[in-house]
Amino acid sequence: MAALQELVNHYNHWIAVFLMVAGLYVVVARGNMVKKLVGLSLFQTSVYLIYLTPGKIIGGTAPILSDEFTVYSNPLPHVLILTAIVVGIATIALGLALVVRINEAFGSIEEDEIFEKDVEA
């Protein structure tokens, strides 16, 4: 029973693993480039969750130097993830811009159709 309780206590890890596997599946299994970008976004979100999970300390406060606080929570993971979110949004925006250009050039955003047209040319 204690092992089951331990698994339930780490539900956020299970959610992150599910998002990671789902994102990886979408990236590998789909031929549509927009769907691949959505899968990449899911994968990035799972990495954020995995990185932020140990950063939260129950009962911890911001690192304020005072005698009444004894347990501190490290703000560095949160700051790094904010930076990663901004970079992730820029990456997704660049990917969408490339998909638009590919659609203009080849008339499709499906990988198979693009490969066929590229071989013909």
PDB file of N, CA and C in Angstrom:
ATOM      1  N   MET A   1       0.822  -1.200   0.000  1.00  0.00           N
ATOM      2  CA  MET A   1       0.000   0.000   0.000  1.00  0.00           C
ATOM      3  C   MET A   1       0.868   1.267   0.000  1.00  0.00           C
ATOM      4  N   ALA A   2       2.016   1.177   0.658  1.00  0.00           N
ATOM      5  CA  ALA A   2       2.907   2.340   0.702  1.00  0.00           C
ATOM      6  C   ALA A   2       3.477   2.645  -0.687  1.00  0.00           C
ATOM      7  N   ALA A   3       3.734   1.596  -1.472  1.00  0.00           N
ATOM      8  CA  ALA A   3       4.263   1.806  -2.817  1.00  0.00           C
ATOM      9  C   ALA A   3       3.219   2.497  -3.702  1.00  0.00           C
ATOM     10  N   LEU A   4       1.950   2.102  -3.538  1.00  0.00           N
ATOM     11  CA  LEU A   4       0.891   2.747  -4.307  1.00  0.00           C
ATOM     12  C   LEU A   4       0.748   4.213  -3.925  1.00  0.00           C
ATOM     13  N   GLN A   5       0.850   4.504  -2.645  1.00  0.00           N
ATOM     14  CA  GLN A   5       0.767   5.891  -2.176  1.00  0.00           C
ATOM     15  C   GLN A   5       1.939   6.712  -2.717  1.00  0.00           C
ATOM     16  N   GLU A   6       3.116   6.083  -2.806  1.00  0.00           N
ATOM     17  CA  GLU A   6       4.287   6.768  -3.354  1.00  0.00           C
ATOM     18  C   GLU A   6       4.075   7.100  -4.838  1.00  0.00           C
ATOM     19  N   LEU A   7       3.444   6.183  -5.579  1.00  0.00           N
ATOM     20  CA  LEU A   7       3.148   6.447  -6.988  1.00  0.00           C
ATOM     21  C   LEU A   7       2.130   7.569  -7.139  1.00  0.00           C
ATOM     22  N   VAL A   8       1.137   7.598  -6.262  1.00  0.00           N
ATOM     23  CA  VAL A   8       0.113   8.640  -6.328  1.00  0.00           C
ATOM     24  C   VAL A   8       0.702  10.000  -5.957  1.00  0.00           C
ATOM     25  N   ASN A   9       1.647  10.003  -5.039  1.00  0.00           N
ATOM     26  CA  ASN A   9       2.258  11.272  -4.634  1.00  0.00           C
ATOM     27  C   ASN A   9       3.059  11.923  -5.766  1.00  0.00           C
ATOM     28  N   HIS A  10       3.510  11.130  -6.699  1.00  0.00           N
ATOM     29  CA  HIS A  10       4.316  11.664  -7.806  1.00  0.00           C
ATOM     30  C   HIS A  10       3.506  11.711  -9.102  1.00  0.00           C
ATOM     31  N   TYR A  11       2.264  12.113  -9.001  1.00  0.00           N
ATOM     32  CA  TYR A  11       1.398  12.171 -10.181  1.00  0.00           C
ATOM     33  C   TYR A  11       1.927  13.138 -11.225  1.00  0.00           C
ATOM     34  N   ASN A  12       2.595  14.196 -10.801  1.00  0.00           N
ATOM     35  CA  ASN A  12       3.111  15.163 -11.774  1.00  0.00           C
ATOM     36  C   ASN A  12       4.202  14.538 -12.648  1.00  0.00           C
ATOM     37  N   HIS A  13       4.955  13.596 -12.109  1.00  0.00           N
ATOM     38  CA  HIS A  13       5.926  12.888 -12.940  1.00  0.00           C
ATOM     39  C   HIS A  13       5.218  12.052 -14.000  1.00  0.00           C
ATOM     40  N   TRP A  14       4.129  11.401 -13.605  1.00  0.00           N
ATOM     41  CA  TRP A  14       3.383  10.579 -14.559  1.00  0.00           C
ATOM     42  C   TRP A  14       2.775  11.436 -15.665  1.00  0.00           C
ATOM     43  N   ILE A  15       2.288  12.605 -15.303  1.00  0.00           N
ATOM     44  CA  ILE A  15       1.736  13.511 -16.312  1.00  0.00           C
ATOM     45  C   ILE A  15       2.833  13.957 -17.275  1.00  0.00           C
ATOM     46  N   ALA A  16       4.000  14.285 -16.740  1.00  0.00           N
ATOM     47  CA  ALA A  16       5.107  14.722 -17.588  1.00  0.00           C
ATOM     48  C   ALA A  16       5.562  13.602 -18.521  1.00  0.00           C
ATOM     49  N   VAL A  17       5.629  12.381 -18.014  1.00  0.00           N
ATOM     50  CA  VAL A  17       6.027  11.251 -18.863  1.00  0.00           C
ATOM     51  C   VAL A  17       4.980  11.017 -19.952  1.00  0.00           C
ATOM     52  N   PHE A  18       3.698  11.107 -19.592  1.00  0.00           N
ATOM     53  CA  PHE A  18       2.643  10.944 -20.595  1.00  0.00           C
ATOM     54  C   PHE A  18       2.750  12.013 -21.679  1.00  0.00           C
ATOM     55  N   LEU A  19       2.954  13.262 -21.293  1.00  0.00           N
ATOM     56  CA  LEU A  19       3.094  14.337 -22.279  1.00  0.00           C
ATOM     57  C   LEU A  19       4.323  14.120 -23.160  1.00  0.00           C
ATOM     58  N   MET A  20       5.407  13.636 -22.565  1.00  0.00           N
ATOM     59  CA  MET A  20       6.629  13.403 -23.323  1.00  0.00           C
ATOM     60  C   MET A  20       6.420  12.307 -24.366  1.00  0.00           C
ATOM     61  N   VAL A  21       5.803  11.209 -23.935  1.00  0.00           N
ATOM     62  CA  VAL A  21       5.565  10.104 -24.873  1.00  0.00           C
ATOM     63  C   VAL A  21       4.570  10.522 -25.956  1.00  0.00           C
ATOM     64  N   ALA A  22       3.522  11.243 -25.578  1.00  0.00           N
ATOM     65  CA  ALA A  22       2.539  11.691 -26.562  1.00  0.00           C
ATOM     66  C   ALA A  22       3.172  12.649 -27.565  1.00  0.00           C
ATOM     67  N   GLY A  23       3.979  13.588 -27.084  1.00  0.00           N
ATOM     68  CA  GLY A  23       4.645  14.530 -27.985  1.00  0.00           C
ATOM     69  C   GLY A  23       5.611  13.840 -28.928  1.00  0.00           C
ATOM     70  N   LEU A  24       6.381  12.881 -28.404  1.00  0.00           N
ATOM     71  CA  LEU A  24       7.317  12.142 -29.245  1.00  0.00           C
ATOM     72  C   LEU A  24       6.574  11.314 -30.286  1.00  0.00           C
ATOM     73  N   TYR A  25       5.459  10.705 -29.889  1.00  0.00           N
ATOM     74  CA  TYR A  25       4.660   9.926 -30.834  1.00  0.00           C
ATOM     75  C   TYR A  25       4.129  10.804 -31.964  1.00  0.00           C
ATOM     76  N   VAL A  26       3.617  11.962 -31.625  1.00  0.00           N
ATOM     77  CA  VAL A  26       3.069  12.852 -32.650  1.00  0.00           C
ATOM     78  C   VAL A  26       4.166  13.301 -33.603  1.00  0.00           C
ATOM     79  N   VAL A  27       5.348  13.606 -33.084  1.00  0.00           N
ATOM     80  CA  VAL A  27       6.454  14.057 -33.942  1.00  0.00           C
ATOM     81  C   VAL A  27       6.883  12.942 -34.897  1.00  0.00           C
ATOM     82  N   VAL A  28       6.940  11.714 -34.403  1.00  0.00           N
ATOM     83  CA  VAL A  28       7.439  10.607 -35.220  1.00  0.00           C
ATOM     84  C   VAL A  28       6.367  10.061 -36.166  1.00  0.00           C
ATOM     85  N   ALA A  29       5.126   9.959 -35.706  1.00  0.00           N
ATOM     86  CA  ALA A  29       4.105   9.227 -36.444  1.00  0.00           C
ATOM     87  C   ALA A  29       3.317  10.074 -37.436  1.00  0.00           C
ATOM     88  N   ARG A  30       3.296  11.355 -37.311  1.00  0.00           N
ATOM     89  CA  ARG A  30       2.472  12.190 -38.179  1.00  0.00           C
ATOM     90  C   ARG A  30       3.287  12.771 -39.326  1.00  0.00           C
ATOM     91  N   GLY A  31       2.634  12.931 -40.481  1.00  0.00           N
ATOM     92  CA  GLY A  31       3.297  13.502 -41.640  1.00  0.00           C
ATOM     93  C   GLY A  31       3.002  14.976 -41.828  1.00  0.00           C
ATOM     94  N   ASN A  32       1.980  15.468 -41.153  1.00  0.00           N
ATOM     95  CA  ASN A  32       1.592  16.864 -41.257  1.00  0.00           C
ATOM     96  C   ASN A  32       2.560  17.707 -40.429  1.00  0.00           C
ATOM     97  N   MET A  33       3.127  18.729 -41.028  1.00  0.00           N
ATOM     98  CA  MET A  33       4.156  19.521 -40.341  1.00  0.00           C
ATOM     99  C   MET A  33       3.603  20.335 -39.181  1.00  0.00           C
ATOM    100  N   VAL A  34       2.363  20.803 -39.275  1.00  0.00           N
ATOM    101  CA  VAL A  34       1.767  21.556 -38.166  1.00  0.00           C
ATOM    102  C   VAL A  34       1.560  20.623 -36.974  1.00  0.00           C
ATOM    103  N   LYS A  35       1.122  19.390 -37.251  1.00  0.00           N
ATOM    104  CA  LYS A  35       0.956  18.418 -36.164  1.00  0.00           C
ATOM    105  C   LYS A  35       2.293  18.081 -35.533  1.00  0.00           C
ATOM    106  N   LYS A  36       3.344  18.035 -36.318  1.00  0.00           N
ATOM    107  CA  LYS A  36       4.679  17.804 -35.762  1.00  0.00           C
ATOM    108  C   LYS A  36       5.090  18.938 -34.826  1.00  0.00           C
ATOM    109  N   LEU A  37       4.746  20.164 -35.186  1.00  0.00           N
ATOM    110  CA  LEU A  37       5.067  21.295 -34.312  1.00  0.00           C
ATOM    111  C   LEU A  37       4.262  21.234 -33.012  1.00  0.00           C
ATOM    112  N   VAL A  38       3.015  20.788 -33.094  1.00  0.00           N
ATOM    113  CA  VAL A  38       2.211  20.614 -31.876  1.00  0.00           C
ATOM    114  C   VAL A  38       2.839  19.536 -30.993  1.00  0.00           C
ATOM    115  N   GLY A  39       3.296  18.449 -31.593  1.00  0.00           N
ATOM    116  CA  GLY A  39       3.975  17.400 -30.834  1.00  0.00           C
ATOM    117  C   GLY A  39       5.252  17.903 -30.186  1.00  0.00           C
ATOM    118  N   LEU A  40       5.994  18.731 -30.908  1.00  0.00           N
ATOM    119  CA  LEU A  40       7.206  19.327 -30.346  1.00  0.00           C
ATOM    120  C   LEU A  40       6.868  20.212 -29.155  1.00  0.00           C
ATOM    121  N   SER A  41       5.785  20.942 -29.255  1.00  0.00           N
ATOM    122  CA  SER A  41       5.345  21.795 -28.147  1.00  0.00           C
ATOM    123  C   SER A  41       4.947  20.957 -26.933  1.00  0.00           C
ATOM    124  N   LEU A  42       4.247  19.849 -27.159  1.00  0.00           N
ATOM    125  CA  LEU A  42       3.914  18.944 -26.047  1.00  0.00           C
ATOM    126  C   LEU A  42       5.170  18.406 -25.383  1.00  0.00           C
ATOM    127  N   PHE A  43       6.131  18.010 -26.188  1.00  0.00           N
ATOM    128  CA  PHE A  43       7.388  17.486 -25.658  1.00  0.00           C
ATOM    129  C   PHE A  43       8.109  18.548 -24.825  1.00  0.00           C
ATOM    130  N   GLN A  44       8.149  19.781 -25.320  1.00  0.00           N
ATOM    131  CA  GLN A  44       8.788  20.863 -24.572  1.00  0.00           C
ATOM    132  C   GLN A  44       8.083  21.102 -23.241  1.00  0.00           C
ATOM    133  N   THR A  45       6.762  21.053 -23.249  1.00  0.00           N
ATOM    134  CA  THR A  45       6.001  21.252 -22.012  1.00  0.00           C
ATOM    135  C   THR A  45       6.330  20.179 -20.993  1.00  0.00           C
ATOM    136  N   SER A  46       6.503  18.950 -21.443  1.00  0.00           N
ATOM    137  CA  SER A  46       6.854  17.883 -20.497  1.00  0.00           C
ATOM    138  C   SER A  46       8.232  18.128 -19.887  1.00  0.00           C
ATOM    139  N   VAL A  47       9.149  18.633 -20.669  1.00  0.00           N
ATOM    140  CA  VAL A  47      10.477  18.940 -20.126  1.00  0.00           C
ATOM    141  C   VAL A  47      10.384  20.051 -19.081  1.00  0.00           C
ATOM    142  N   TYR A  48       9.537  21.047 -19.324  1.00  0.00           N
ATOM    143  CA  TYR A  48       9.345  22.113 -18.342  1.00  0.00           C
ATOM    144  C   TYR A  48       8.825  21.532 -17.029  1.00  0.00           C
ATOM    145  N   LEU A  49       7.838  20.660 -17.129  1.00  0.00           N
ATOM    146  CA  LEU A  49       7.259  20.063 -15.918  1.00  0.00           C
ATOM    147  C   LEU A  49       8.285  19.225 -15.158  1.00  0.00           C
ATOM    148  N   ILE A  50       9.072  18.450 -15.879  1.00  0.00           N
ATOM    149  CA  ILE A  50      10.094  17.628 -15.221  1.00  0.00           C
ATOM    150  C   ILE A  50      11.113  18.509 -14.513  1.00  0.00           C
ATOM    151  N   TYR A  51      11.462  19.616 -15.137  1.00  0.00           N
ATOM    152  CA  TYR A  51      12.463  20.498 -14.540  1.00  0.00           C
ATOM    153  C   TYR A  51      11.916  21.276 -13.346  1.00  0.00           C
ATOM    154  N   LEU A  52      10.639  21.654 -13.394  1.00  0.00           N
ATOM    155  CA  LEU A  52      10.061  22.455 -12.313  1.00  0.00           C
ATOM    156  C   LEU A  52       9.632  21.628 -11.102  1.00  0.00           C
ATOM    157  N   THR A  53       9.369  20.355 -11.293  1.00  0.00           N
ATOM    158  CA  THR A  53       8.841  19.524 -10.205  1.00  0.00           C
ATOM    159  C   THR A  53       9.725  19.539  -8.959  1.00  0.00           C
ATOM    160  N   PRO A  54      11.020  19.316  -9.053  1.00  0.00           N
ATOM    161  CA  PRO A  54      11.814  19.346  -7.816  1.00  0.00           C
ATOM    162  C   PRO A  54      12.073  20.752  -7.278  1.00  0.00           C
ATOM    163  N   GLY A  55      11.724  21.788  -8.039  1.00  0.00           N
ATOM    164  CA  GLY A  55      11.967  23.158  -7.599  1.00  0.00           C
ATOM    165  C   GLY A  55      11.012  23.629  -6.512  1.00  0.00           C
ATOM    166  N   LYS A  56       9.865  22.961  -6.385  1.00  0.00           N
ATOM    167  CA  LYS A  56       8.882  23.363  -5.369  1.00  0.00           C
ATOM    168  C   LYS A  56       9.154  22.600  -4.078  1.00  0.00           C
ATOM    169  N   ILE A  57       9.367  23.332  -3.023  1.00  0.00           N
ATOM    170  CA  ILE A  57       9.584  22.750  -1.708  1.00  0.00           C
ATOM    171  C   ILE A  57       8.399  23.128  -0.840  1.00  0.00           C
ATOM    172  N   ILE A  58       7.725  22.115  -0.291  1.00  0.00           N
ATOM    173  CA  ILE A  58       6.550  22.376   0.542  1.00  0.00           C
ATOM    174  C   ILE A  58       6.990  23.116   1.800  1.00  0.00           C
ATOM    175  N   GLY A  59       6.361  24.235   2.045  1.00  0.00           N
ATOM    176  CA  GLY A  59       6.708  25.057   3.203  1.00  0.00           C
ATOM    177  C   GLY A  59       7.843  26.019   2.936  1.00  0.00           C
ATOM    178  N   GLY A  60       8.429  25.951   1.742  1.00  0.00           N
ATOM    179  CA  GLY A  60       9.536  26.832   1.409  1.00  0.00           C
ATOM    180  C   GLY A  60       9.049  28.199   0.977  1.00  0.00           C
ATOM    181  N   THR A  61       9.829  29.200   1.255  1.00  0.00           N
ATOM    182  CA  THR A  61       9.492  30.561   0.864  1.00  0.00           C
ATOM    183  C   THR A  61      10.550  31.085  -0.105  1.00  0.00           C
ATOM    184  N   ALA A  62      10.302  32.268  -0.610  1.00  0.00           N
ATOM    185  CA  ALA A  62      11.303  32.913  -1.450  1.00  0.00           C
ATOM    186  C   ALA A  62      12.555  33.172  -0.608  1.00  0.00           C
ATOM    187  N   PRO A  63      13.721  33.198  -1.235  1.00  0.00           N
ATOM    188  CA  PRO A  63      14.953  33.373  -0.454  1.00  0.00           C
ATOM    189  C   PRO A  63      15.086  34.781   0.120  1.00  0.00           C
ATOM    190  N   ILE A  64      14.323  35.021   1.179  1.00  0.00           N
ATOM    191  CA  ILE A  64      14.370  36.295   1.888  1.00  0.00           C
ATOM    192  C   ILE A  64      15.159  36.072   3.169  1.00  0.00           C
ATOM    193  N   LEU A  65      16.178  36.860   3.376  1.00  0.00           N
ATOM    194  CA  LEU A  65      16.999  36.698   4.567  1.00  0.00           C
ATOM    195  C   LEU A  65      16.271  37.266   5.777  1.00  0.00           C
ATOM    196  N   SER A  66      15.778  36.374   6.610  1.00  0.00           N
ATOM    197  CA  SER A  66      15.051  36.765   7.803  1.00  0.00           C
ATOM    198  C   SER A  66      15.142  35.612   8.798  1.00  0.00           C
ATOM    199  N   ASP A  67      15.049  35.949  10.071  1.00  0.00           N
ATOM    200  CA  ASP A  67      15.130  34.907  11.095  1.00  0.00           C
ATOM    201  C   ASP A  67      13.860  34.062  11.178  1.00  0.00           C
ATOM    202  N   GLU A  68      12.734  34.565  10.687  1.00  0.00           N
ATOM    203  CA  GLU A  68      11.493  33.803  10.797  1.00  0.00           C
ATOM    204  C   GLU A  68      11.352  32.745   9.697  1.00  0.00           C
ATOM    205  N   PHE A  69      12.183  32.784   8.636  1.00  0.00           N
ATOM    206  CA  PHE A  69      12.137  31.777   7.575  1.00  0.00           C
ATOM    207  C   PHE A  69      13.343  30.860   7.698  1.00  0.00           C
ATOM    208  N   THR A  70      13.084  29.554   7.602  1.00  0.00           N
ATOM    209  CA  THR A  70      14.188  28.591   7.678  1.00  0.00           C
ATOM    210  C   THR A  70      14.275  27.708   6.436  1.00  0.00           C
ATOM    211  N   VAL A  71      13.169  27.530   5.727  1.00  0.00           N
ATOM    212  CA  VAL A  71      13.158  26.686   4.535  1.00  0.00           C
ATOM    213  C   VAL A  71      12.950  27.576   3.323  1.00  0.00           C
ATOM    214  N   TYR A  72      13.873  27.472   2.384  1.00  0.00           N
ATOM    215  CA  TYR A  72      13.826  28.315   1.204  1.00  0.00           C
ATOM    216  C   TYR A  72      13.591  27.469  -0.048  1.00  0.00           C
ATOM    217  N   SER A  73      12.937  28.069  -1.003  1.00  0.00           N
ATOM    218  CA  SER A  73      12.721  27.449  -2.301  1.00  0.00           C
ATOM    219  C   SER A  73      13.631  28.145  -3.311  1.00  0.00           C
ATOM    220  N   ASN A  74      14.292  27.362  -4.138  1.00  0.00           N
ATOM    221  CA  ASN A  74      15.231  27.910  -5.100  1.00  0.00           C
ATOM    222  C   ASN A  74      14.476  28.506  -6.291  1.00  0.00           C
ATOM    223  N   PRO A  75      14.633  29.803  -6.574  1.00  0.00           N
ATOM    224  CA  PRO A  75      13.909  30.408  -7.704  1.00  0.00           C
ATOM    225  C   PRO A  75      14.597  30.190  -9.053  1.00  0.00           C
ATOM    226  N   LEU A  76      15.811  29.667  -9.064  1.00  0.00           N
ATOM    227  CA  LEU A  76      16.551  29.526 -10.316  1.00  0.00           C
ATOM    228  C   LEU A  76      15.859  28.634 -11.343  1.00  0.00           C
ATOM    229  N   PRO A  77      15.298  27.462 -10.960  1.00  0.00           N
ATOM    230  CA  PRO A  77      14.608  26.661 -11.988  1.00  0.00           C
ATOM    231  C   PRO A  77      13.444  27.403 -12.639  1.00  0.00           C
ATOM    232  N   HIS A  78      12.734  28.197 -11.886  1.00  0.00           N
ATOM    233  CA  HIS A  78      11.598  28.927 -12.437  1.00  0.00           C
ATOM    234  C   HIS A  78      12.064  29.988 -13.433  1.00  0.00           C
ATOM    235  N   VAL A  79      13.156  30.654 -13.126  1.00  0.00           N
ATOM    236  CA  VAL A  79      13.695  31.672 -14.026  1.00  0.00           C
ATOM    237  C   VAL A  79      14.201  31.017 -15.309  1.00  0.00           C
ATOM    238  N   LEU A  80      14.868  29.880 -15.176  1.00  0.00           N
ATOM    239  CA  LEU A  80      15.371  29.187 -16.358  1.00  0.00           C
ATOM    240  C   LEU A  80      14.229  28.694 -17.241  1.00  0.00           C
ATOM    241  N   ILE A  81      13.156  28.241 -16.632  1.00  0.00           N
ATOM    242  CA  ILE A  81      12.025  27.768 -17.413  1.00  0.00           C
ATOM    243  C   ILE A  81      11.323  28.929 -18.113  1.00  0.00           C
ATOM    244  N   LEU A  82      11.255  30.092 -17.476  1.00  0.00           N
ATOM    245  CA  LEU A  82      10.695  31.256 -18.171  1.00  0.00           C
ATOM    246  C   LEU A  82      11.488  31.560 -19.435  1.00  0.00           C
ATOM    247  N   THR A  83      12.808  31.476 -19.350  1.00  0.00           N
ATOM    248  CA  THR A  83      13.645  31.678 -20.519  1.00  0.00           C
ATOM    249  C   THR A  83      13.391  30.593 -21.559  1.00  0.00           C
ATOM    250  N   ALA A  84      13.259  29.347 -21.108  1.00  0.00           N
ATOM    251  CA  ALA A  84      13.003  28.235 -22.032  1.00  0.00           C
ATOM    252  C   ALA A  84      11.651  28.379 -22.718  1.00  0.00           C
ATOM    253  N   ILE A  85      10.658  28.900 -22.010  1.00  0.00           N
ATOM    254  CA  ILE A  85       9.338  29.110 -22.616  1.00  0.00           C
ATOM    255  C   ILE A  85       9.431  30.149 -23.729  1.00  0.00           C
ATOM    256  N   VAL A  86      10.167  31.218 -23.492  1.00  0.00           N
ATOM    257  CA  VAL A  86      10.324  32.256 -24.519  1.00  0.00           C
ATOM    258  C   VAL A  86      11.043  31.686 -25.740  1.00  0.00           C
ATOM    259  N   VAL A  87      12.093  30.915 -25.520  1.00  0.00           N
ATOM    260  CA  VAL A  87      12.816  30.301 -26.629  1.00  0.00           C
ATOM    261  C   VAL A  87      11.923  29.296 -27.350  1.00  0.00           C
ATOM    262  N   GLY A  88      11.122  28.534 -26.599  1.00  0.00           N
ATOM    263  CA  GLY A  88      10.202  27.569 -27.203  1.00  0.00           C
ATOM    264  C   GLY A  88       9.160  28.235 -28.073  1.00  0.00           C
ATOM    265  N   ILE A  89       8.617  29.353 -27.612  1.00  0.00           N
ATOM    266  CA  ILE A  89       7.630  30.087 -28.406  1.00  0.00           C
ATOM    267  C   ILE A  89       8.268  30.620 -29.687  1.00  0.00           C
ATOM    268  N   ALA A  90       9.490  31.119 -29.578  1.00  0.00           N
ATOM    269  CA  ALA A  90      10.181  31.605 -30.772  1.00  0.00           C
ATOM    270  C   ALA A  90      10.455  30.464 -31.747  1.00  0.00           C
ATOM    271  N   THR A  91      10.809  29.299 -31.226  1.00  0.00           N
ATOM    272  CA  THR A  91      11.068  28.140 -32.077  1.00  0.00           C
ATOM    273  C   THR A  91       9.805  27.701 -32.807  1.00  0.00           C
ATOM    274  N   ILE A  92       8.689  27.647 -32.086  1.00  0.00           N
ATOM    275  CA  ILE A  92       7.427  27.261 -32.703  1.00  0.00           C
ATOM    276  C   ILE A  92       7.014  28.298 -33.755  1.00  0.00           C
ATOM    277  N   ALA A  93       7.201  29.586 -33.462  1.00  0.00           N
ATOM    278  CA  ALA A  93       6.861  30.633 -34.428  1.00  0.00           C
ATOM    279  C   ALA A  93       7.716  30.511 -35.693  1.00  0.00           C
ATOM    280  N   LEU A  94       8.997  30.245 -35.529  1.00  0.00           N
ATOM    281  CA  LEU A  94       9.875  30.053 -36.682  1.00  0.00           C
ATOM    282  C   LEU A  94       9.449  28.818 -37.471  1.00  0.00           C
ATOM    283  N   GLY A  95       9.108  27.749 -36.755  1.00  0.00           N
ATOM    284  CA  GLY A  95       8.642  26.542 -37.434  1.00  0.00           C
ATOM    285  C   GLY A  95       7.373  26.780 -38.232  1.00  0.00           C
ATOM    286  N   LEU A  96       6.435  27.524 -37.657  1.00  0.00           N
ATOM    287  CA  LEU A  96       5.201  27.842 -38.390  1.00  0.00           C
ATOM    288  C   LEU A  96       5.482  28.717 -39.612  1.00  0.00           C
ATOM    289  N   ALA A  97       6.417  29.646 -39.477  1.00  0.00           N
ATOM    290  CA  ALA A  97       6.791  30.473 -40.626  1.00  0.00           C
ATOM    291  C   ALA A  97       7.411  29.613 -41.727  1.00  0.00           C
ATOM    292  N   LEU A  98       8.230  28.642 -41.348  1.00  0.00           N
ATOM    293  CA  LEU A  98       8.815  27.744 -42.344  1.00  0.00           C
ATOM    294  C   LEU A  98       7.751  26.880 -43.006  1.00  0.00           C
ATOM    295  N   VAL A  99       6.762  26.445 -42.239  1.00  0.00           N
ATOM    296  CA  VAL A  99       5.675  25.646 -42.809  1.00  0.00           C
ATOM    297  C   VAL A  99       4.901  26.477 -43.830  1.00  0.00           C
ATOM    298  N   VAL A 100       4.677  27.743 -43.534  1.00  0.00           N
ATOM    299  CA  VAL A 100       3.987  28.613 -44.496  1.00  0.00           C
ATOM    300  C   VAL A 100       4.804  28.731 -45.784  1.00  0.00           C
ATOM    301  N   ARG A 101       6.100  28.917 -45.659  1.00  0.00           N
ATOM    302  CA  ARG A 101       6.956  29.027 -46.854  1.00  0.00           C
ATOM    303  C   ARG A 101       6.995  27.716 -47.635  1.00  0.00           C
ATOM    304  N   ILE A 102       7.068  26.591 -46.931  1.00  0.00           N
ATOM    305  CA  ILE A 102       7.053  25.287 -47.600  1.00  0.00           C
ATOM    306  C   ILE A 102       5.729  25.082 -48.324  1.00  0.00           C
ATOM    307  N   ASN A 103       4.638  25.495 -47.703  1.00  0.00           N
ATOM    308  CA  ASN A 103       3.329  25.380 -48.338  1.00  0.00           C
ATOM    309  C   ASN A 103       3.259  26.239 -49.609  1.00  0.00           C
ATOM    310  N   GLU A 104       3.854  27.413 -49.575  1.00  0.00           N
ATOM    311  CA  GLU A 104       3.885  28.260 -50.772  1.00  0.00           C
ATOM    312  C   GLU A 104       4.721  27.634 -51.882  1.00  0.00           C
ATOM    313  N   ALA A 105       5.820  26.991 -51.493  1.00  0.00           N
ATOM    314  CA  ALA A 105       6.727  26.433 -52.497  1.00  0.00           C
ATOM    315  C   ALA A 105       6.215  25.111 -53.068  1.00  0.00           C
ATOM    316  N   PHE A 106       5.652  24.250 -52.232  1.00  0.00           N
ATOM    317  CA  PHE A 106       5.275  22.908 -52.667  1.00  0.00           C
ATOM    318  C   PHE A 106       3.762  22.695 -52.751  1.00  0.00           C
ATOM    319  N   GLY A 107       2.978  23.602 -52.190  1.00  0.00           N
ATOM    320  CA  GLY A 107       1.531  23.454 -52.232  1.00  0.00           C
ATOM    321  C   GLY A 107       0.975  22.444 -51.252  1.00  0.00           C
ATOM    322  N   SER A 108       1.754  22.045 -50.268  1.00  0.00           N
ATOM    323  CA  SER A 108       1.300  21.056 -49.291  1.00  0.00           C
ATOM    324  C   SER A 108       2.157  21.156 -48.033  1.00  0.00           C
ATOM    325  N   ILE A 109       1.600  20.661 -46.923  1.00  0.00           N
ATOM    326  CA  ILE A 109       2.389  20.578 -45.692  1.00  0.00           C
ATOM    327  C   ILE A 109       2.521  19.126 -45.227  1.00  0.00           C
ATOM    328  N   GLU A 110       2.159  18.186 -46.097  1.00  0.00           N
ATOM    329  CA  GLU A 110       2.330  16.763 -45.810  1.00  0.00           C
ATOM    330  C   GLU A 110       3.701  16.321 -46.306  1.00  0.00           C
ATOM    331  N   GLU A 111       4.447  15.614 -45.450  1.00  0.00           N
ATOM    332  CA  GLU A 111       5.805  15.206 -45.799  1.00  0.00           C
ATOM    333  C   GLU A 111       5.865  14.348 -47.055  1.00  0.00           C
ATOM    334  N   ASP A 112       4.981  13.380 -47.164  1.00  0.00           N
ATOM    335  CA  ASP A 112       5.016  12.465 -48.312  1.00  0.00           C
ATOM    336  C   ASP A 112       4.840  13.206 -49.632  1.00  0.00           C
ATOM    337  N   GLU A 113       3.892  14.117 -49.664  1.00  0.00           N
ATOM    338  CA  GLU A 113       3.663  14.879 -50.892  1.00  0.00           C
ATOM    339  C   GLU A 113       4.843  15.772 -51.225  1.00  0.00           C
ATOM    340  N   ILE A 114       5.462  16.350 -50.212  1.00  0.00           N
ATOM    341  CA  ILE A 114       6.625  17.217 -50.437  1.00  0.00           C
ATOM    342  C   ILE A 114       7.802  16.395 -50.959  1.00  0.00           C
ATOM    343  N   PHE A 115       8.028  15.201 -50.398  1.00  0.00           N
ATOM    344  CA  PHE A 115       9.117  14.343 -50.878  1.00  0.00           C
ATOM    345  C   PHE A 115       8.897  13.935 -52.331  1.00  0.00           C
ATOM    346  N   GLU A 116       7.644  13.610 -52.687  1.00  0.00           N
ATOM    347  CA  GLU A 116       7.346  13.231 -54.071  1.00  0.00           C
ATOM    348  C   GLU A 116       7.613  14.390 -55.027  1.00  0.00           C
ATOM    349  N   LYS A 117       7.191  15.585 -54.671  1.00  0.00           N
ATOM    350  CA  LYS A 117       7.398  16.749 -55.535  1.00  0.00           C
ATOM    351  C   LYS A 117       8.876  17.122 -55.622  1.00  0.00           C
ATOM    352  N   ASP A 118       9.618  16.878 -54.527  1.00  0.00           N
ATOM    353  CA  ASP A 118      11.041  17.201 -54.517  1.00  0.00           C
ATOM    354  C   ASP A 118      11.815  16.222 -55.397  1.00  0.00           C
ATOM    355  N   VAL A 119      11.425  14.957 -55.415  1.00  0.00           N
ATOM    356  CA  VAL A 119      12.091  13.970 -56.250  1.00  0.00           C
ATOM    357  C   VAL A 119      11.817  14.236 -57.719  1.00  0.00           C
ATOM    358  N   GLU A 120      10.589  14.677 -58.043  1.00  0.00           N
ATOM    359  CA  GLU A 120      10.238  14.987 -59.423  1.00  0.00           C
ATOM    360  C   GLU A 120      11.035  16.159 -59.976  1.00  0.00           C
ATOM    361  N   ALA A 121      11.354  17.131 -59.116  1.00  0.00           N
ATOM    362  CA  ALA A 121      12.024  18.346 -59.571  1.00  0.00           C
ATOM    363  C   ALA A 121      13.501  18.182 -59.799  1.00  0.00           C
TER     364      ALA A 121
END
